[in-house]
Amino acid sequence: MQSSDRLPTKAPVSSLPAPALELLISLATAPLLIGLVGGKALAEASQEIGRFAEEVFRGDRLPLLNLSSLPSPSIDTVNPD
């Protein structure tokens, strides 16, 4: 049985040399920033589309209906069933 006094040895953090690791990190930075900026633009565009849809459904741009020319419902036309 092994003693619990011994700590396990740690594996090396990276097997890549430091310049190669720095190069990989710098190459990964540009796509990350593009994704963040693109996500922000997509969120703003979807909010703008939502505002536009709200304006359309609110009825500001719908035509007014002339309700006086429509016949009013009477009790005689309703089925007594």
N, C-alpha and C. Protein backbone atom coordinates (compact mmCIF):
# COMPACT_ATOMS: atom_id res chain seq x y z
N MET A 1 0.84 -1.17 0.00
CA MET A 1 0.00 0.00 0.00
C MET A 1 0.89 1.24 0.00
N GLN A 2 0.47 2.26 -0.74
CA GLN A 2 1.29 3.47 -0.82
C GLN A 2 0.97 4.40 0.32
N SER A 3 1.94 5.15 0.67
CA SER A 3 1.76 6.12 1.75
C SER A 3 1.00 7.34 1.22
N SER A 4 0.15 7.92 2.06
CA SER A 4 -0.61 9.11 1.65
C SER A 4 0.21 10.37 1.77
N ASP A 5 1.47 10.23 2.25
CA ASP A 5 2.34 11.40 2.39
C ASP A 5 2.85 11.89 1.03
N ARG A 6 2.90 11.01 0.08
CA ARG A 6 3.47 11.39 -1.20
C ARG A 6 2.40 12.07 -2.06
N LEU A 7 2.74 13.20 -2.61
CA LEU A 7 1.85 13.91 -3.53
C LEU A 7 2.08 13.40 -4.94
N PRO A 8 1.04 13.31 -5.72
CA PRO A 8 1.24 12.85 -7.10
C PRO A 8 2.01 13.91 -7.88
N THR A 9 2.82 13.46 -8.79
CA THR A 9 3.58 14.40 -9.61
C THR A 9 2.66 15.03 -10.63
N LYS A 10 2.87 16.28 -10.89
CA LYS A 10 2.02 17.00 -11.85
C LYS A 10 2.56 16.84 -13.25
N ALA A 11 1.65 16.70 -14.18
CA ALA A 11 2.03 16.63 -15.59
C ALA A 11 2.37 18.03 -16.06
N PRO A 12 3.21 18.16 -17.06
CA PRO A 12 3.53 19.50 -17.58
C PRO A 12 2.27 20.17 -18.13
N VAL A 13 2.19 21.48 -17.96
CA VAL A 13 1.01 22.23 -18.39
C VAL A 13 0.84 22.14 -19.90
N SER A 14 1.89 22.32 -20.62
CA SER A 14 1.80 22.26 -22.07
C SER A 14 3.07 21.63 -22.63
N SER A 15 2.90 20.83 -23.63
CA SER A 15 4.06 20.24 -24.27
C SER A 15 4.57 21.12 -25.40
N LEU A 16 3.85 22.22 -25.69
CA LEU A 16 4.27 23.16 -26.73
C LEU A 16 5.24 24.17 -26.15
N PRO A 17 6.19 24.59 -26.95
CA PRO A 17 7.07 25.67 -26.47
C PRO A 17 6.29 26.98 -26.36
N ALA A 18 6.79 27.88 -25.53
CA ALA A 18 6.08 29.14 -25.25
C ALA A 18 5.77 29.96 -26.51
N PRO A 19 6.70 30.13 -27.45
CA PRO A 19 6.35 30.93 -28.65
C PRO A 19 5.21 30.31 -29.47
N ALA A 20 5.18 28.99 -29.56
CA ALA A 20 4.11 28.35 -30.32
C ALA A 20 2.77 28.52 -29.62
N LEU A 21 2.77 28.42 -28.29
CA LEU A 21 1.53 28.62 -27.52
C LEU A 21 1.04 30.06 -27.66
N GLU A 22 1.94 31.01 -27.60
CA GLU A 22 1.56 32.42 -27.79
C GLU A 22 1.00 32.66 -29.18
N LEU A 23 1.57 32.00 -30.18
CA LEU A 23 1.08 32.14 -31.55
C LEU A 23 -0.34 31.58 -31.67
N LEU A 24 -0.59 30.43 -31.07
CA LEU A 24 -1.94 29.85 -31.12
C LEU A 24 -2.95 30.73 -30.42
N ILE A 25 -2.58 31.31 -29.30
CA ILE A 25 -3.49 32.20 -28.58
C ILE A 25 -3.77 33.45 -29.40
N SER A 26 -2.74 34.01 -30.04
CA SER A 26 -2.96 35.22 -30.84
C SER A 26 -3.80 34.92 -32.07
N LEU A 27 -3.66 33.72 -32.64
CA LEU A 27 -4.49 33.36 -33.79
C LEU A 27 -5.94 33.10 -33.39
N ALA A 28 -6.18 32.68 -32.17
CA ALA A 28 -7.54 32.41 -31.71
C ALA A 28 -8.25 33.69 -31.27
N THR A 29 -7.52 34.77 -31.07
CA THR A 29 -8.11 36.01 -30.59
C THR A 29 -9.00 36.66 -31.65
N ALA A 30 -8.55 36.69 -32.88
CA ALA A 30 -9.31 37.36 -33.94
C ALA A 30 -10.68 36.71 -34.16
N PRO A 31 -10.79 35.39 -34.30
CA PRO A 31 -12.13 34.82 -34.47
C PRO A 31 -13.04 35.06 -33.26
N LEU A 32 -12.45 35.08 -32.08
CA LEU A 32 -13.25 35.34 -30.88
C LEU A 32 -13.82 36.76 -30.91
N LEU A 33 -13.00 37.72 -31.26
CA LEU A 33 -13.47 39.11 -31.33
C LEU A 33 -14.51 39.28 -32.44
N ILE A 34 -14.30 38.63 -33.57
CA ILE A 34 -15.27 38.71 -34.66
C ILE A 34 -16.60 38.10 -34.23
N GLY A 35 -16.54 37.00 -33.50
CA GLY A 35 -17.76 36.39 -33.00
C GLY A 35 -18.50 37.27 -32.02
N LEU A 36 -17.77 37.94 -31.14
CA LEU A 36 -18.42 38.84 -30.17
C LEU A 36 -19.07 40.03 -30.87
N VAL A 37 -18.36 40.64 -31.81
CA VAL A 37 -18.91 41.80 -32.53
C VAL A 37 -20.09 41.36 -33.39
N GLY A 38 -19.97 40.19 -34.04
CA GLY A 38 -21.08 39.68 -34.85
C GLY A 38 -22.30 39.35 -34.01
N GLY A 39 -22.09 38.80 -32.83
CA GLY A 39 -23.21 38.50 -31.94
C GLY A 39 -23.91 39.76 -31.48
N LYS A 40 -23.13 40.79 -31.19
CA LYS A 40 -23.73 42.05 -30.77
C LYS A 40 -24.55 42.67 -31.92
N ALA A 41 -24.01 42.62 -33.13
CA ALA A 41 -24.73 43.16 -34.28
C ALA A 41 -26.01 42.36 -34.55
N LEU A 42 -25.93 41.05 -34.39
CA LEU A 42 -27.11 40.20 -34.59
C LEU A 42 -28.18 40.50 -33.54
N ALA A 43 -27.77 40.72 -32.30
CA ALA A 43 -28.73 41.04 -31.24
C ALA A 43 -29.41 42.39 -31.51
N GLU A 44 -28.63 43.38 -31.93
CA GLU A 44 -29.21 44.69 -32.23
C GLU A 44 -30.16 44.62 -33.43
N ALA A 45 -29.81 43.82 -34.44
CA ALA A 45 -30.67 43.69 -35.61
C ALA A 45 -31.99 43.00 -35.24
N SER A 46 -31.92 41.99 -34.39
CA SER A 46 -33.16 41.30 -34.00
C SER A 46 -34.03 42.20 -33.14
N GLN A 47 -33.42 43.05 -32.31
CA GLN A 47 -34.21 44.00 -31.53
C GLN A 47 -34.88 45.02 -32.44
N GLU A 48 -34.18 45.46 -33.46
CA GLU A 48 -34.75 46.43 -34.40
C GLU A 48 -35.91 45.81 -35.18
N ILE A 49 -35.76 44.56 -35.58
CA ILE A 49 -36.86 43.86 -36.27
C ILE A 49 -38.06 43.72 -35.34
N GLY A 50 -37.81 43.46 -34.07
CA GLY A 50 -38.90 43.36 -33.10
C GLY A 50 -39.62 44.68 -32.92
N ARG A 51 -38.86 45.77 -32.88
CA ARG A 51 -39.50 47.10 -32.77
C ARG A 51 -40.35 47.40 -33.99
N PHE A 52 -39.84 47.05 -35.17
CA PHE A 52 -40.59 47.28 -36.40
C PHE A 52 -41.87 46.46 -36.41
N ALA A 53 -41.79 45.21 -36.02
CA ALA A 53 -42.97 44.35 -35.99
C ALA A 53 -43.99 44.88 -34.99
N GLU A 54 -43.53 45.40 -33.88
CA GLU A 54 -44.44 45.97 -32.87
C GLU A 54 -45.18 47.17 -33.43
N GLU A 55 -44.48 48.00 -34.19
CA GLU A 55 -45.12 49.16 -34.81
C GLU A 55 -46.18 48.72 -35.82
N VAL A 56 -45.88 47.68 -36.58
CA VAL A 56 -46.85 47.22 -37.59
C VAL A 56 -48.09 46.66 -36.91
N PHE A 57 -47.90 45.85 -35.88
CA PHE A 57 -49.03 45.22 -35.21
C PHE A 57 -49.78 46.17 -34.29
N ARG A 58 -49.18 47.29 -33.98
CA ARG A 58 -49.87 48.27 -33.13
C ARG A 58 -51.02 48.92 -33.88
N GLY A 59 -50.94 48.98 -35.18
CA GLY A 59 -52.05 49.49 -35.97
C GLY A 59 -51.88 50.90 -36.47
N ASP A 60 -50.74 51.51 -36.31
CA ASP A 60 -50.54 52.86 -36.81
C ASP A 60 -50.59 52.91 -38.33
N ARG A 61 -50.19 51.86 -38.95
CA ARG A 61 -50.11 51.86 -40.41
C ARG A 61 -51.25 51.09 -41.06
N LEU A 62 -52.24 50.72 -40.31
CA LEU A 62 -53.38 50.01 -40.87
C LEU A 62 -54.44 51.00 -41.33
N PRO A 63 -55.18 50.68 -42.38
CA PRO A 63 -56.21 51.61 -42.85
C PRO A 63 -57.39 51.64 -41.87
N LEU A 64 -58.07 52.77 -41.86
CA LEU A 64 -59.26 52.90 -41.02
C LEU A 64 -60.45 52.26 -41.74
N LEU A 65 -61.25 51.55 -40.99
CA LEU A 65 -62.43 50.91 -41.56
C LEU A 65 -63.65 51.79 -41.33
N ASN A 66 -64.49 51.86 -42.35
CA ASN A 66 -65.73 52.61 -42.25
C ASN A 66 -66.79 51.65 -41.71
N LEU A 67 -67.02 51.66 -40.43
CA LEU A 67 -67.95 50.72 -39.82
C LEU A 67 -69.40 51.15 -39.93
N SER A 68 -69.66 52.39 -40.31
CA SER A 68 -71.05 52.85 -40.42
C SER A 68 -71.75 52.22 -41.63
N SER A 69 -71.01 51.80 -42.63
CA SER A 69 -71.65 51.23 -43.81
C SER A 69 -71.95 49.74 -43.63
N LEU A 70 -71.45 49.10 -42.59
CA LEU A 70 -71.74 47.69 -42.35
C LEU A 70 -73.10 47.56 -41.68
N PRO A 71 -73.87 46.54 -42.05
CA PRO A 71 -75.18 46.34 -41.40
C PRO A 71 -74.98 45.92 -39.95
N SER A 72 -75.80 46.44 -39.09
CA SER A 72 -75.69 46.09 -37.68
C SER A 72 -76.41 44.76 -37.45
N PRO A 73 -75.90 43.93 -36.59
CA PRO A 73 -76.56 42.64 -36.33
C PRO A 73 -77.88 42.86 -35.60
N SER A 74 -78.87 42.14 -36.01
CA SER A 74 -80.17 42.26 -35.36
C SER A 74 -80.52 40.95 -34.68
N ILE A 75 -81.50 41.00 -33.82
CA ILE A 75 -81.92 39.82 -33.09
C ILE A 75 -82.61 38.83 -34.02
N ASP A 76 -83.24 39.33 -35.10
CA ASP A 76 -83.95 38.46 -36.02
C ASP A 76 -83.01 37.53 -36.79
N THR A 77 -81.77 37.95 -37.05
CA THR A 77 -80.87 37.14 -37.84
C THR A 77 -80.18 36.08 -37.00
N VAL A 78 -80.27 36.15 -35.71
CA VAL A 78 -79.63 35.15 -34.85
C VAL A 78 -80.55 33.95 -34.72
N ASN A 79 -79.99 32.76 -34.83
CA ASN A 79 -80.81 31.53 -34.69
C ASN A 79 -81.24 31.36 -33.25
N PRO A 80 -82.51 31.09 -32.99
CA PRO A 80 -82.98 30.93 -31.61
C PRO A 80 -82.66 29.56 -31.03
N ASP A 81 -81.94 28.70 -31.74
CA ASP A 81 -81.66 27.35 -31.24
C ASP A 81 -80.91 27.41 -29.99
